[in-house]
Amino acid sequence: MHLYGLSALAWLGRRGTMALPISVLAGIGLPFLSAYARPYLTESVFLLLVLAFLRVDPDAVRLRLSRPKLTLLASLWMALGVPLLCTGVIALCQPEWMTGDLAMILFIVTAAPCVMSAPAFIYLMGLDGALSLTVLMTATALVPLTAPLMAEVQASVLPAGTGLHLDGPALALRLAVLLGGSLLAAAAIRKFAGKAAIAEAKSSIDGLNVLILLFFAIAAMDGVAASFADRPLFTTGLTLLTFAAAFLQILVTMLLFAPAGTADAFAIAHATGNRNMGLMVAALGGTLPELVWLWFALGQLPIYMMPVLLKPFARHLSPHPVSRITH
């Protein structure tokens, strides 16, 4: 039974690209389970972090970090550049439609690091995931410092009454506990199981990752089916906006990092457009205003569907680019 279970997980892991869109659609289609799963959103984020750190290849990380300039530039762009740019545009325009809910949406969409599965998505698209992995680790390590800072900047420059006022030290502590705890848990598992066993079980780990992503999707999709039923045009429009926000970040980042080579620029752009909003939601205590929660839930659609949508484009990229921003 144990071997059959591992084989089933490995089978699922090898089909992760197609399983992800099915997972998020299943989350929408199982609204009766969403209310039960939602209280465990933080726990599912923690498990996803553990599995992501478990799949980290230390040698690939060391190789990329030996030439750290591109990784640092990408991480700083993701953690500081994008949120500062977006906040600056809103502050200059002073739009009348700006509200506190929209400010929180702006925060979780731009201040979060990339999703923990970003390197796996890059590998599934046939490209080298080492850069995505190092950007993921660097940006995630920065977020306990940068996210509270961006919240403070946002609160100081956005129109009065709309800025996001958060307890910076408390947010930093919750992020540090989530990230540090998951890293320690992954290190303990790796030490107990051994490097060879972890490498051999990578497909099974990916399969387990897909199952937890399914649970996460069910938890995140609480209220989405009802929103589509009650407000179909509004919900459809909001869904399109989540795709637009993801692809806009990808396009701008792709152009900005084009000198690094197309494949590296694509890896950075993909990471920038796929934000780990679940981490920010967990750090905020899992309780959000209705509109913000709906954006967070619908924002999973581009994340889960991106590997399928971008794979045809990724096929035309060189799998081994020569980066010109390396030193």
C-alpha atoms as a PDB file:
ATOM      1  CA  MET A   1       0.000   0.000   0.000  1.00  0.00           C
ATOM      2  CA  HIS A   2       2.878   2.312   0.854  1.00  0.00           C
ATOM      3  CA  LEU A   3       4.490   1.736  -2.572  1.00  0.00           C
ATOM      4  CA  TYR A   4       1.177   2.234  -4.376  1.00  0.00           C
ATOM      5  CA  GLY A   5       0.712   5.532  -2.510  1.00  0.00           C
ATOM      6  CA  LEU A   6       4.180   6.774  -3.493  1.00  0.00           C
ATOM      7  CA  SER A   7       3.621   5.688  -7.099  1.00  0.00           C
ATOM      8  CA  ALA A   8       0.328   7.569  -7.213  1.00  0.00           C
ATOM      9  CA  LEU A   9       1.983  10.700  -5.815  1.00  0.00           C
ATOM     10  CA  ALA A  10       4.838  10.396  -8.321  1.00  0.00           C
ATOM     11  CA  TRP A  11       2.346   9.987 -11.173  1.00  0.00           C
ATOM     12  CA  LEU A  12       0.524  13.105 -10.015  1.00  0.00           C
ATOM     13  CA  GLY A  13       3.778  15.032  -9.584  1.00  0.00           C
ATOM     14  CA  ARG A  14       4.885  14.287 -13.147  1.00  0.00           C
ATOM     15  CA  ARG A  15       1.616  15.791 -14.390  1.00  0.00           C
ATOM     16  CA  GLY A  16       1.750  18.858 -12.207  1.00  0.00           C
ATOM     17  CA  THR A  17       1.416  21.380 -15.056  1.00  0.00           C
ATOM     18  CA  MET A  18      -2.006  20.070 -16.046  1.00  0.00           C
ATOM     19  CA  ALA A  19      -3.050  19.207 -12.484  1.00  0.00           C
ATOM     20  CA  LEU A  20      -2.750  22.803 -11.254  1.00  0.00           C
ATOM     21  CA  PRO A  21      -5.535  24.356 -13.389  1.00  0.00           C
ATOM     22  CA  ILE A  22      -7.753  21.390 -12.548  1.00  0.00           C
ATOM     23  CA  SER A  23      -7.016  21.961  -8.847  1.00  0.00           C
ATOM     24  CA  VAL A  24      -8.078  25.591  -8.864  1.00  0.00           C
ATOM     25  CA  LEU A  25     -11.222  24.848 -10.892  1.00  0.00           C
ATOM     26  CA  ALA A  26     -12.041  22.055  -8.468  1.00  0.00           C
ATOM     27  CA  GLY A  27     -11.664  24.572  -5.649  1.00  0.00           C
ATOM     28  CA  ILE A  28     -14.332  26.746  -7.267  1.00  0.00           C
ATOM     29  CA  GLY A  29     -16.527  23.702  -7.901  1.00  0.00           C
ATOM     30  CA  LEU A  30     -16.422  22.471  -4.300  1.00  0.00           C
ATOM     31  CA  PRO A  31     -17.788  25.464  -2.382  1.00  0.00           C
ATOM     32  CA  PHE A  32     -19.300  23.241   0.309  1.00  0.00           C
ATOM     33  CA  LEU A  33     -15.750  22.279   1.352  1.00  0.00           C
ATOM     34  CA  SER A  34     -14.293  25.799   1.229  1.00  0.00           C
ATOM     35  CA  ALA A  35     -15.759  26.944   4.540  1.00  0.00           C
ATOM     36  CA  TYR A  36     -14.221  23.918   6.281  1.00  0.00           C
ATOM     37  CA  ALA A  37     -10.814  24.326   4.623  1.00  0.00           C
ATOM     38  CA  ARG A  38     -10.468  28.111   5.007  1.00  0.00           C
ATOM     39  CA  PRO A  39      -9.489  28.059   8.739  1.00  0.00           C
ATOM     40  CA  TYR A  40      -6.476  25.921   7.789  1.00  0.00           C
ATOM     41  CA  LEU A  41      -5.143  28.274   5.112  1.00  0.00           C
ATOM     42  CA  THR A  42      -2.112  29.259   7.209  1.00  0.00           C
ATOM     43  CA  GLU A  43      -1.240  25.604   7.862  1.00  0.00           C
ATOM     44  CA  SER A  44      -1.452  24.792   4.151  1.00  0.00           C
ATOM     45  CA  VAL A  45       0.866  27.731   3.353  1.00  0.00           C
ATOM     46  CA  PHE A  46       3.327  26.414   5.941  1.00  0.00           C
ATOM     47  CA  LEU A  47       3.296  22.915   4.383  1.00  0.00           C
ATOM     48  CA  LEU A  48       3.800  24.356   0.898  1.00  0.00           C
ATOM     49  CA  LEU A  49       6.804  26.292   2.207  1.00  0.00           C
ATOM     50  CA  VAL A  50       8.254  23.122   3.761  1.00  0.00           C
ATOM     51  CA  LEU A  51       7.899  21.180   0.500  1.00  0.00           C
ATOM     52  CA  ALA A  52       9.407  24.034  -1.516  1.00  0.00           C
ATOM     53  CA  PHE A  53      12.469  24.227   0.739  1.00  0.00           C
ATOM     54  CA  LEU A  54      12.697  20.439   0.663  1.00  0.00           C
ATOM     55  CA  ARG A  55      13.004  20.526  -3.139  1.00  0.00           C
ATOM     56  CA  VAL A  56      15.784  23.140  -3.026  1.00  0.00           C
ATOM     57  CA  ASP A  57      18.987  21.984  -4.712  1.00  0.00           C
ATOM     58  CA  PRO A  58      21.795  23.473  -2.566  1.00  0.00           C
ATOM     59  CA  ASP A  59      24.371  23.084  -5.358  1.00  0.00           C
ATOM     60  CA  ALA A  60      22.234  25.034  -7.849  1.00  0.00           C
ATOM     61  CA  VAL A  61      21.714  27.769  -5.278  1.00  0.00           C
ATOM     62  CA  ARG A  62      25.443  28.017  -4.532  1.00  0.00           C
ATOM     63  CA  LEU A  63      26.256  28.236  -8.251  1.00  0.00           C
ATOM     64  CA  ARG A  64      23.846  31.120  -8.806  1.00  0.00           C
ATOM     65  CA  LEU A  65      24.873  32.891  -5.593  1.00  0.00           C
ATOM     66  CA  SER A  66      28.509  32.767  -6.699  1.00  0.00           C
ATOM     67  CA  ARG A  67      27.400  35.409  -9.249  1.00  0.00           C
ATOM     68  CA  PRO A  68      24.901  37.284  -7.099  1.00  0.00           C
ATOM     69  CA  LYS A  69      24.272  40.525  -8.995  1.00  0.00           C
ATOM     70  CA  LEU A  70      21.363  39.319 -11.113  1.00  0.00           C
ATOM     71  CA  THR A  71      19.709  37.534  -8.184  1.00  0.00           C
ATOM     72  CA  LEU A  72      19.976  40.615  -5.956  1.00  0.00           C
ATOM     73  CA  LEU A  73      18.710  42.969  -8.655  1.00  0.00           C
ATOM     74  CA  ALA A  74      15.746  40.692  -9.367  1.00  0.00           C
ATOM     75  CA  SER A  75      14.916  40.284  -5.671  1.00  0.00           C
ATOM     76  CA  LEU A  76      15.126  44.023  -4.968  1.00  0.00           C
ATOM     77  CA  TRP A  77      12.993  44.792  -8.023  1.00  0.00           C
ATOM     78  CA  MET A  78      10.365  42.332  -6.830  1.00  0.00           C
ATOM     79  CA  ALA A  79      10.418  43.363  -3.156  1.00  0.00           C
ATOM     80  CA  LEU A  80      10.926  47.126  -3.486  1.00  0.00           C
ATOM     81  CA  GLY A  81      10.874  48.273  -7.108  1.00  0.00           C
ATOM     82  CA  VAL A  82       7.422  47.026  -8.110  1.00  0.00           C
ATOM     83  CA  PRO A  83       5.546  48.141  -4.950  1.00  0.00           C
ATOM     84  CA  LEU A  84       7.280  51.552  -4.979  1.00  0.00           C
ATOM     85  CA  LEU A  85       6.482  52.045  -8.665  1.00  0.00           C
ATOM     86  CA  CYS A  86       2.816  51.086  -8.246  1.00  0.00           C
ATOM     87  CA  THR A  87       2.379  53.133  -5.067  1.00  0.00           C
ATOM     88  CA  GLY A  88       4.087  56.121  -6.705  1.00  0.00           C
ATOM     89  CA  VAL A  89       1.761  56.009  -9.711  1.00  0.00           C
ATOM     90  CA  ILE A  90      -1.313  55.866  -7.442  1.00  0.00           C
ATOM     91  CA  ALA A  91       0.038  58.696  -5.261  1.00  0.00           C
ATOM     92  CA  LEU A  92       0.655  60.913  -8.308  1.00  0.00           C
ATOM     93  CA  CYS A  93      -2.738  60.236  -9.848  1.00  0.00           C
ATOM     94  CA  GLN A  94      -4.672  60.588  -6.553  1.00  0.00           C
ATOM     95  CA  PRO A  95      -7.637  58.645  -7.994  1.00  0.00           C
ATOM     96  CA  GLU A  96     -11.049  59.278  -6.453  1.00  0.00           C
ATOM     97  CA  TRP A  97     -11.864  55.579  -6.572  1.00  0.00           C
ATOM     98  CA  MET A  98      -8.977  54.612  -4.265  1.00  0.00           C
ATOM     99  CA  THR A  99     -10.185  52.895  -1.070  1.00  0.00           C
ATOM    100  CA  GLY A 100      -8.647  51.058   1.869  1.00  0.00           C
ATOM    101  CA  ASP A 101      -9.622  47.703   0.331  1.00  0.00           C
ATOM    102  CA  LEU A 102      -7.880  48.589  -2.925  1.00  0.00           C
ATOM    103  CA  ALA A 103      -4.799  49.695  -0.984  1.00  0.00           C
ATOM    104  CA  MET A 104      -4.676  46.289   0.699  1.00  0.00           C
ATOM    105  CA  ILE A 105      -5.040  44.575  -2.681  1.00  0.00           C
ATOM    106  CA  LEU A 106      -2.176  46.686  -4.022  1.00  0.00           C
ATOM    107  CA  PHE A 107      -0.096  45.608  -1.025  1.00  0.00           C
ATOM    108  CA  ILE A 108      -0.642  41.840  -1.284  1.00  0.00           C
ATOM    109  CA  VAL A 109      -0.171  41.894  -5.081  1.00  0.00           C
ATOM    110  CA  THR A 110       3.141  43.775  -5.062  1.00  0.00           C
ATOM    111  CA  ALA A 111       4.782  43.306  -1.630  1.00  0.00           C
ATOM    112  CA  ALA A 112       4.633  39.497  -1.519  1.00  0.00           C
ATOM    113  CA  PRO A 113       7.541  37.362  -2.772  1.00  0.00           C
ATOM    114  CA  CYS A 114       7.004  34.951  -5.648  1.00  0.00           C
ATOM    115  CA  VAL A 115       5.062  31.745  -5.148  1.00  0.00           C
ATOM    116  CA  MET A 116       7.087  28.898  -3.668  1.00  0.00           C
ATOM    117  CA  SER A 117       6.327  26.723  -6.693  1.00  0.00           C
ATOM    118  CA  ALA A 118       7.874  29.218  -9.172  1.00  0.00           C
ATOM    119  CA  PRO A 119      11.061  27.134  -9.727  1.00  0.00           C
ATOM    120  CA  ALA A 120       8.968  23.999 -10.247  1.00  0.00           C
ATOM    121  CA  PHE A 121       6.858  25.839 -12.828  1.00  0.00           C
ATOM    122  CA  ILE A 122      10.020  26.933 -14.655  1.00  0.00           C
ATOM    123  CA  TYR A 123      11.339  23.358 -14.664  1.00  0.00           C
ATOM    124  CA  LEU A 124       7.965  22.095 -15.922  1.00  0.00           C
ATOM    125  CA  MET A 125       8.200  24.573 -18.809  1.00  0.00           C
ATOM    126  CA  GLY A 126      11.549  23.057 -19.796  1.00  0.00           C
ATOM    127  CA  LEU A 127      13.830  25.858 -18.544  1.00  0.00           C
ATOM    128  CA  ASP A 128      16.556  26.076 -15.908  1.00  0.00           C
ATOM    129  CA  GLY A 129      14.942  26.814 -12.552  1.00  0.00           C
ATOM    130  CA  ALA A 130      18.146  27.647 -10.660  1.00  0.00           C
ATOM    131  CA  LEU A 131      17.746  31.413 -11.090  1.00  0.00           C
ATOM    132  CA  SER A 132      14.074  31.260 -10.133  1.00  0.00           C
ATOM    133  CA  LEU A 133      15.068  29.272  -7.060  1.00  0.00           C
ATOM    134  CA  THR A 134      17.710  31.742  -5.866  1.00  0.00           C
ATOM    135  CA  VAL A 135      15.415  34.727  -6.519  1.00  0.00           C
ATOM    136  CA  LEU A 136      12.693  32.932  -4.585  1.00  0.00           C
ATOM    137  CA  MET A 137      14.941  32.322  -1.591  1.00  0.00           C
ATOM    138  CA  THR A 138      16.443  35.838  -1.593  1.00  0.00           C
ATOM    139  CA  ALA A 139      13.122  37.647  -2.050  1.00  0.00           C
ATOM    140  CA  THR A 140      11.460  35.459   0.578  1.00  0.00           C
ATOM    141  CA  ALA A 141      14.279  36.142   3.039  1.00  0.00           C
ATOM    142  CA  LEU A 142      13.857  39.889   2.435  1.00  0.00           C
ATOM    143  CA  VAL A 143      10.080  39.997   2.873  1.00  0.00           C
ATOM    144  CA  PRO A 144       9.966  40.247   6.717  1.00  0.00           C
ATOM    145  CA  LEU A 145      11.928  43.498   6.279  1.00  0.00           C
ATOM    146  CA  THR A 146      10.523  44.858   3.018  1.00  0.00           C
ATOM    147  CA  ALA A 147       6.792  44.105   3.425  1.00  0.00           C
ATOM    148  CA  PRO A 148       6.302  46.166   6.630  1.00  0.00           C
ATOM    149  CA  LEU A 149       8.418  48.940   5.073  1.00  0.00           C
ATOM    150  CA  MET A 150       6.228  48.987   1.944  1.00  0.00           C
ATOM    151  CA  ALA A 151       3.099  49.089   4.116  1.00  0.00           C
ATOM    152  CA  GLU A 152       4.487  52.168   5.887  1.00  0.00           C
ATOM    153  CA  VAL A 153       5.426  53.863   2.603  1.00  0.00           C
ATOM    154  CA  GLN A 154       2.002  53.119   1.181  1.00  0.00           C
ATOM    155  CA  ALA A 155       0.240  54.538   4.240  1.00  0.00           C
ATOM    156  CA  SER A 156       2.296  57.743   4.052  1.00  0.00           C
ATOM    157  CA  VAL A 157       1.771  58.579   0.372  1.00  0.00           C
ATOM    158  CA  LEU A 158      -1.654  57.258  -0.635  1.00  0.00           C
ATOM    159  CA  PRO A 159      -4.748  59.477  -0.372  1.00  0.00           C
ATOM    160  CA  ALA A 160      -5.847  60.147   3.206  1.00  0.00           C
ATOM    161  CA  GLY A 161      -7.824  57.314   4.740  1.00  0.00           C
ATOM    162  CA  THR A 162      -6.854  54.750   2.108  1.00  0.00           C
ATOM    163  CA  GLY A 163      -3.339  53.771   3.181  1.00  0.00           C
ATOM    164  CA  LEU A 164      -2.693  50.382   4.720  1.00  0.00           C
ATOM    165  CA  HIS A 165      -1.901  50.737   8.419  1.00  0.00           C
ATOM    166  CA  LEU A 166      -0.276  47.572   9.762  1.00  0.00           C
ATOM    167  CA  ASP A 167       1.672  46.639  12.855  1.00  0.00           C
ATOM    168  CA  GLY A 168       5.073  46.377  11.131  1.00  0.00           C
ATOM    169  CA  PRO A 169       6.966  44.471  13.852  1.00  0.00           C
ATOM    170  CA  ALA A 170       4.088  42.007  14.327  1.00  0.00           C
ATOM    171  CA  LEU A 171       3.856  41.400  10.565  1.00  0.00           C
ATOM    172  CA  ALA A 172       7.626  40.904  10.349  1.00  0.00           C
ATOM    173  CA  LEU A 173       7.523  38.453  13.250  1.00  0.00           C
ATOM    174  CA  ARG A 174       4.698  36.389  11.729  1.00  0.00           C
ATOM    175  CA  LEU A 175       6.500  36.253   8.379  1.00  0.00           C
ATOM    176  CA  ALA A 176       9.782  35.289  10.051  1.00  0.00           C
ATOM    177  CA  VAL A 177       8.076  32.499  12.029  1.00  0.00           C
ATOM    178  CA  LEU A 178       6.364  31.109   8.921  1.00  0.00           C
ATOM    179  CA  LEU A 179       9.525  31.210   6.824  1.00  0.00           C
ATOM    180  CA  GLY A 180      12.011  30.233   9.527  1.00  0.00           C
ATOM    181  CA  GLY A 181       9.819  27.436  10.868  1.00  0.00           C
ATOM    182  CA  SER A 182       9.260  25.924   7.432  1.00  0.00           C
ATOM    183  CA  LEU A 183      12.974  26.150   6.599  1.00  0.00           C
ATOM    184  CA  LEU A 184      13.920  24.392   9.852  1.00  0.00           C
ATOM    185  CA  ALA A 185      11.265  21.713   9.292  1.00  0.00           C
ATOM    186  CA  ALA A 186      12.571  21.047   5.771  1.00  0.00           C
ATOM    187  CA  ALA A 187      16.162  20.901   7.054  1.00  0.00           C
ATOM    188  CA  ALA A 188      15.154  18.387   9.743  1.00  0.00           C
ATOM    189  CA  ILE A 189      13.364  16.179   7.188  1.00  0.00           C
ATOM    190  CA  ARG A 190      16.334  16.370   4.828  1.00  0.00           C
ATOM    191  CA  LYS A 191      18.739  15.393   7.628  1.00  0.00           C
ATOM    192  CA  PHE A 192      16.540  12.496   8.774  1.00  0.00           C
ATOM    193  CA  ALA A 193      15.740  11.119   5.308  1.00  0.00           C
ATOM    194  CA  GLY A 194      19.063  11.852   3.622  1.00  0.00           C
ATOM    195  CA  LYS A 195      19.882  13.751   0.433  1.00  0.00           C
ATOM    196  CA  ALA A 196      19.660  10.675  -1.795  1.00  0.00           C
ATOM    197  CA  ALA A 197      16.201   9.708  -0.543  1.00  0.00           C
ATOM    198  CA  ILE A 198      14.902  13.258  -1.052  1.00  0.00           C
ATOM    199  CA  ALA A 199      16.270  13.337  -4.619  1.00  0.00           C
ATOM    200  CA  GLU A 200      14.751   9.939  -5.380  1.00  0.00           C
ATOM    201  CA  ALA A 201      11.358  11.021  -4.043  1.00  0.00           C
ATOM    202  CA  LYS A 202      11.187  14.354  -5.911  1.00  0.00           C
ATOM    203  CA  SER A 203       8.233  13.275  -8.077  1.00  0.00           C
ATOM    204  CA  SER A 204       6.364  12.064  -5.003  1.00  0.00           C
ATOM    205  CA  ILE A 205       7.111  15.363  -3.250  1.00  0.00           C
ATOM    206  CA  ASP A 206       5.752  17.192  -6.301  1.00  0.00           C
ATOM    207  CA  GLY A 207       2.626  15.019  -6.141  1.00  0.00           C
ATOM    208  CA  LEU A 208       2.154  15.855  -2.474  1.00  0.00           C
ATOM    209  CA  ASN A 209       2.649  19.503  -3.396  1.00  0.00           C
ATOM    210  CA  VAL A 210      -0.197  19.226  -5.935  1.00  0.00           C
ATOM    211  CA  LEU A 211      -2.495  17.715  -3.283  1.00  0.00           C
ATOM    212  CA  ILE A 212      -1.742  20.506  -0.806  1.00  0.00           C
ATOM    213  CA  LEU A 213      -2.235  23.052  -3.593  1.00  0.00           C
ATOM    214  CA  LEU A 214      -5.648  21.472  -4.186  1.00  0.00           C
ATOM    215  CA  PHE A 215      -6.482  21.910  -0.493  1.00  0.00           C
ATOM    216  CA  PHE A 216      -5.134  25.466  -0.626  1.00  0.00           C
ATOM    217  CA  ALA A 217      -7.281  26.191  -3.686  1.00  0.00           C
ATOM    218  CA  ILE A 218     -10.377  24.861  -1.933  1.00  0.00           C
ATOM    219  CA  ALA A 219      -9.605  27.030   1.113  1.00  0.00           C
ATOM    220  CA  ALA A 220      -8.844  30.111  -0.987  1.00  0.00           C
ATOM    221  CA  MET A 221     -11.946  29.753  -3.155  1.00  0.00           C
ATOM    222  CA  ASP A 222     -14.364  30.226  -0.269  1.00  0.00           C
ATOM    223  CA  GLY A 223     -17.142  32.464  -1.590  1.00  0.00           C
ATOM    224  CA  VAL A 224     -15.972  32.508  -5.229  1.00  0.00           C
ATOM    225  CA  ALA A 225     -18.731  30.280  -6.610  1.00  0.00           C
ATOM    226  CA  ALA A 226     -21.341  32.357  -4.757  1.00  0.00           C
ATOM    227  CA  SER A 227     -19.811  35.569  -6.124  1.00  0.00           C
ATOM    228  CA  PHE A 228     -19.964  34.258  -9.699  1.00  0.00           C
ATOM    229  CA  ALA A 229     -23.610  33.295  -9.134  1.00  0.00           C
ATOM    230  CA  ASP A 230     -24.639  36.577  -7.479  1.00  0.00           C
ATOM    231  CA  ARG A 231     -22.442  39.056  -9.413  1.00  0.00           C
ATOM    232  CA  PRO A 232     -21.264  37.316 -12.595  1.00  0.00           C
ATOM    233  CA  LEU A 233     -20.162  40.428 -14.492  1.00  0.00           C
ATOM    234  CA  PHE A 234     -18.364  41.982 -11.519  1.00  0.00           C
ATOM    235  CA  THR A 235     -16.610  38.720 -10.620  1.00  0.00           C
ATOM    236  CA  THR A 236     -15.621  38.049 -14.234  1.00  0.00           C
ATOM    237  CA  GLY A 237     -14.243  41.580 -14.531  1.00  0.00           C
ATOM    238  CA  LEU A 238     -12.262  41.171 -11.311  1.00  0.00           C
ATOM    239  CA  THR A 239     -10.889  37.867 -12.596  1.00  0.00           C
ATOM    240  CA  LEU A 240      -9.682  39.565 -15.785  1.00  0.00           C
ATOM    241  CA  LEU A 241      -8.022  42.266 -13.668  1.00  0.00           C
ATOM    242  CA  THR A 242      -6.060  39.622 -11.708  1.00  0.00           C
ATOM    243  CA  PHE A 243      -4.750  38.228 -15.001  1.00  0.00           C
ATOM    244  CA  ALA A 244      -3.956  41.762 -16.202  1.00  0.00           C
ATOM    245  CA  ALA A 245      -2.030  42.545 -12.983  1.00  0.00           C
ATOM    246  CA  ALA A 246       0.014  39.337 -13.319  1.00  0.00           C
ATOM    247  CA  PHE A 247       0.805  39.805 -17.012  1.00  0.00           C
ATOM    248  CA  LEU A 248       1.606  43.516 -16.600  1.00  0.00           C
ATOM    249  CA  GLN A 249       4.233  42.695 -13.959  1.00  0.00           C
ATOM    250  CA  ILE A 250       5.608  39.955 -16.225  1.00  0.00           C
ATOM    251  CA  LEU A 251       5.806  42.244 -19.273  1.00  0.00           C
ATOM    252  CA  VAL A 252       7.482  45.168 -17.473  1.00  0.00           C
ATOM    253  CA  THR A 253       9.979  42.846 -15.759  1.00  0.00           C
ATOM    254  CA  MET A 254      10.738  41.016 -18.997  1.00  0.00           C
ATOM    255  CA  LEU A 255      11.597  44.300 -20.700  1.00  0.00           C
ATOM    256  CA  LEU A 256      13.615  45.575 -17.737  1.00  0.00           C
ATOM    257  CA  PHE A 257      15.766  42.436 -17.458  1.00  0.00           C
ATOM    258  CA  ALA A 258      16.117  41.770 -21.202  1.00  0.00           C
ATOM    259  CA  PRO A 259      19.906  42.472 -21.056  1.00  0.00           C
ATOM    260  CA  ALA A 260      20.284  39.369 -18.864  1.00  0.00           C
ATOM    261  CA  GLY A 261      19.196  37.122 -21.723  1.00  0.00           C
ATOM    262  CA  THR A 262      15.678  36.069 -22.678  1.00  0.00           C
ATOM    263  CA  ALA A 263      15.524  32.879 -20.608  1.00  0.00           C
ATOM    264  CA  ASP A 264      16.794  34.533 -17.410  1.00  0.00           C
ATOM    265  CA  ALA A 265      14.532  37.554 -17.976  1.00  0.00           C
ATOM    266  CA  PHE A 266      11.592  35.171 -18.429  1.00  0.00           C
ATOM    267  CA  ALA A 267      12.385  33.337 -15.172  1.00  0.00           C
ATOM    268  CA  ILE A 268      12.547  36.644 -13.255  1.00  0.00           C
ATOM    269  CA  ALA A 269       9.394  37.955 -14.951  1.00  0.00           C
ATOM    270  CA  HIS A 270       7.479  34.772 -14.200  1.00  0.00           C
ATOM    271  CA  ALA A 271       8.463  34.984 -10.530  1.00  0.00           C
ATOM    272  CA  THR A 272       7.484  38.671 -10.351  1.00  0.00           C
ATOM    273  CA  GLY A 273       4.063  38.068 -11.872  1.00  0.00           C
ATOM    274  CA  ASN A 274       3.225  35.132  -9.603  1.00  0.00           C
ATOM    275  CA  ARG A 275       3.053  36.523  -6.076  1.00  0.00           C
ATOM    276  CA  ASN A 276       2.671  34.419  -2.931  1.00  0.00           C
ATOM    277  CA  MET A 277      -0.427  36.273  -1.758  1.00  0.00           C
ATOM    278  CA  GLY A 278      -1.238  33.317   0.482  1.00  0.00           C
ATOM    279  CA  LEU A 279       1.872  34.077   2.548  1.00  0.00           C
ATOM    280  CA  MET A 280       0.716  37.655   3.067  1.00  0.00           C
ATOM    281  CA  VAL A 281      -2.815  36.519   3.910  1.00  0.00           C
ATOM    282  CA  ALA A 282      -1.423  34.041   6.439  1.00  0.00           C
ATOM    283  CA  ALA A 283       0.823  36.757   7.906  1.00  0.00           C
ATOM    284  CA  LEU A 284      -2.188  39.076   8.170  1.00  0.00           C
ATOM    285  CA  GLY A 285      -3.996  36.448  10.240  1.00  0.00           C
ATOM    286  CA  GLY A 286      -6.128  34.943   7.468  1.00  0.00           C
ATOM    287  CA  THR A 287      -8.869  37.567   7.902  1.00  0.00           C
ATOM    288  CA  LEU A 288      -9.444  40.005   5.045  1.00  0.00           C
ATOM    289  CA  PRO A 289     -12.226  42.341   3.907  1.00  0.00           C
ATOM    290  CA  GLU A 290     -14.628  40.673   1.455  1.00  0.00           C
ATOM    291  CA  LEU A 291     -13.312  42.415  -1.688  1.00  0.00           C
ATOM    292  CA  VAL A 292      -9.668  41.725  -0.771  1.00  0.00           C
ATOM    293  CA  TRP A 293     -10.418  38.057  -0.097  1.00  0.00           C
ATOM    294  CA  LEU A 294     -12.219  37.783  -3.451  1.00  0.00           C
ATOM    295  CA  TRP A 295      -9.201  39.287  -5.248  1.00  0.00           C
ATOM    296  CA  PHE A 296      -6.864  36.933  -3.387  1.00  0.00           C
ATOM    297  CA  ALA A 297      -9.042  33.952  -4.335  1.00  0.00           C
ATOM    298  CA  LEU A 298      -9.428  34.929  -7.989  1.00  0.00           C
ATOM    299  CA  GLY A 299      -5.726  35.804  -8.084  1.00  0.00           C
ATOM    300  CA  GLN A 300      -4.962  32.099  -7.745  1.00  0.00           C
ATOM    301  CA  LEU A 301      -6.380  31.512 -11.246  1.00  0.00           C
ATOM    302  CA  PRO A 302      -3.492  33.155 -13.152  1.00  0.00           C
ATOM    303  CA  ILE A 303      -0.968  31.539 -10.786  1.00  0.00           C
ATOM    304  CA  TYR A 304      -2.350  28.031 -11.308  1.00  0.00           C
ATOM    305  CA  MET A 305      -2.899  28.494 -15.055  1.00  0.00           C
ATOM    306  CA  MET A 306       0.329  30.337 -15.890  1.00  0.00           C
ATOM    307  CA  PRO A 307       2.440  27.210 -16.622  1.00  0.00           C
ATOM    308  CA  VAL A 308      -0.068  26.053 -19.249  1.00  0.00           C
ATOM    309  CA  LEU A 309      -0.513  29.541 -20.739  1.00  0.00           C
ATOM    310  CA  LEU A 310       3.215  30.356 -20.931  1.00  0.00           C
ATOM    311  CA  LYS A 311       4.629  26.948 -21.873  1.00  0.00           C
ATOM    312  CA  PRO A 312       4.272  27.549 -25.666  1.00  0.00           C
ATOM    313  CA  PHE A 313       6.297  30.770 -25.290  1.00  0.00           C
ATOM    314  CA  ALA A 314       8.877  29.089 -23.040  1.00  0.00           C
ATOM    315  CA  ARG A 315       9.558  26.419 -25.691  1.00  0.00           C
ATOM    316  CA  HIS A 316      11.171  29.079 -27.878  1.00  0.00           C
ATOM    317  CA  LEU A 317      13.632  30.181 -25.191  1.00  0.00           C
ATOM    318  CA  SER A 318      17.155  28.871 -24.895  1.00  0.00           C
ATOM    319  CA  PRO A 319      17.359  26.475 -21.911  1.00  0.00           C
ATOM    320  CA  HIS A 320      20.932  27.558 -21.202  1.00  0.00           C
ATOM    321  CA  PRO A 321      21.144  31.325 -21.666  1.00  0.00           C
ATOM    322  CA  VAL A 322      24.384  33.239 -21.255  1.00  0.00           C
ATOM    323  CA  SER A 323      23.537  35.951 -18.776  1.00  0.00           C
ATOM    324  CA  ARG A 324      25.232  39.314 -19.266  1.00  0.00           C
ATOM    325  CA  ILE A 325      24.304  40.570 -15.793  1.00  0.00           C
ATOM    326  CA  THR A 326      26.309  38.159 -13.707  1.00  0.00           C
ATOM    327  CA  HIS A 327      29.017  39.920 -11.755  1.00  0.00           C
END
